[in-house]
Amino acid sequence: MRGMRRAARSFLSRPLTIIAQDPTLGRGRSVLTAQIDVPAEKLAPGPRGARVSVIDIDASTDRLYEPSRTGLDGDPFLGVLDSEKLLTNPHFHAQNVYAIVMATLARFERALGRRVSWAFPGHGHQLKIAPHAFQAANAFYSRRDEALLFGYFPGHRSRQTVFTCLSHDIVTHETTHALLDGLRSRYNELSSPDQAAFHEGFADVVALLSVFRLREVIDLAFEHSVPGLKGLIPVSELSPGKLRASTLFGLAEQMGDEMDALRRSALRQSVALRPQDIDLGAAEFQEPHRRGEVFVAAMLGTFINVWTRRLRPLLSPGVRYLDRARVVEEGASAADHLLTMAIRAIDYAPPVDLLFSDYFSAIMTADTAMYPDGGRYDYRKALDQTLRAYGISPAPTGTKDGLWRPQDRAVSFDAVHFETMQRDPDEVFRFVWENRAALGLDPDAYTYVESVRPSLRLAEDGFALRETLVEYVQILDIRAGELRRWGVRRPDGMPDWQEVRLYGGGTLLFDEYGRLKYNIANSVRSPKQNRRLQYLWETGAFSPQVVLERRFSRLHRRRAAAESNVGAEVW
């Protein structure tokens, strides 16, 4: 089924046809498609561009597919109504993954106001994508291979081949892992349950909100679950509880279960979580995937609450029905704005040892910088209420409103030039070194500047915010017997000879005039180190096997094996 086309498109983008969610979602026997805008560029067959390169090789059968000419000859699948021509065509599979990955990359870059680099060794510029990488119920991002690898497998119910590259949320989820790795590479280090949970939860949030940005998906959810006149929705169906049932539960029920184990049932699991059922201190929520579902549930709850707020001005006395297209439009707009907030918050988060509370303060502070008055629908108020309801509080070092505290200790610029600091890590390191006391750096730790990122963000009203972001990292390698000297408690049972690595670091945000606004930092002597080391010791993270094994690979294999007896690697 052909999806709706947007009325206005930028000359810097091109529309491409994709599967709106996955092949199981549609009307009757027609799969639901949509057109999304991707940045226009000169492509080579594949398609291969400057940032994303589709290389369709199947390692299971040792087959190399003929490269697709998508983009060179326009959109060859525009208006195709025959589902089989989409679901069985490897060239469409290549187009689907290319378009979704490029759209996700562009979404991040628009939100952050700058280019986003991949976290590849040797600073590779192109993310490789293999739509038919192997025959297995698996899909993952690999930093080592600089790639997103998608598998395929026989469906248990349909008996037809299921292609993971055709699931919108799986493709976006794995792309988000790659983008977050480029923005905060230390988030895949061994740390707290929150940090591992955040990588998974954030990828699910971006994936699900990206799906809800598509008006076609919300419209179909209403068609399946809301009774009423054609093109109209009863006002009685537009309360937060009813919207949650019709869109979140409704969409979850419409999704097929062929890929449930691989998808980890992100939507179904998170929708089922109620605030009163959650205790983040309980053993159940120490498992990173389960803990990540709490974060997803809170963000989806915020989406529903804001959607309701956007509909209130339309609910004048005596109104019994609303135009379904308008309701869908408001839902898609709410998802889009919340997605932007979620992405921008990464720039206001510490570069190491992230906690949910840190992200709480990051998203509030980042949005306040763009919309000091809260904006028309006050997303921050809705987010504050929902996060707290799910047991997620702001950082204890923040303000009473949950924001980061501005830099209050005076810093000196005598030995540096701010113009050079906007691009040169060595110049920034001189600033950091000269102000190490004011910034609270540990003089005994190895310190380096990880990145310097100028940005220009645009608000919906055209307001422009120019900032320069700097991430610095500190590393301290000591033995457990020395922890007390640094004010850190040694975990019970850890021998004195055990080698321990402590991470510290911070995010510096400078305004367009060079003034330091924030130093969002975690010290190597922070009380967080006590909880981090105790957790890692109790979970066996210091054993040689775990140290050598990639953390997220292990987590996903364990989760998948428990749910479906199928291995699933993500890193």
Foldseek 3Di string as FASTA:
>chain_A
DAADDDPDDDPQWAWEKAQLFFQLDDDDNWGDIYIDIFGQDDADFLGDDQAEGEFAAAPAVRDGDGGACDNVVDHPCHPPGDVCCQPVDVNNLSRHLVRLLRRLQVLLCQLFFHHFFFPAVVRDRYQYEHQDHYAFLAWADDNDVSYTYWHWYQFPPPRHIGGPSRGQLSSQLLSLLRRVCRLQVQLLPQWALQSLLCNNLLSNLLSVLVSLLRLSLQLSLCVVAADDDVQKGFPVCQDLVNSLCSRLVSSLVSDDCRNCLRVVSLSVLLSPDDLVVDDCPDPVLRQSNNVSSLVNNLLVSLLSVLLSLVCVVVDDPPDTIDGSSVSSNSSSVSSSVSSSLQSNLSLQAASHNDHLQRSLQSSVQSVCVQPVPCDDSNSNVSSQVSCVSNPHHHDPCDDPSRHRAWQDFDFDCVVADVVCQQADQVRVVVRCVRCVVSLVADPVWDKGKDDKHWRWHADPVGDIWTKIKTKMKTKDKDFLLCVVVLQEDRAPPRDRRQIDMFMKIFMWIAGPVGDTTHTNIDYSSHNSRNNTNNVCVVVVCSDPVNVPDRPQQVSQQVSSCVPPNGRYGHD
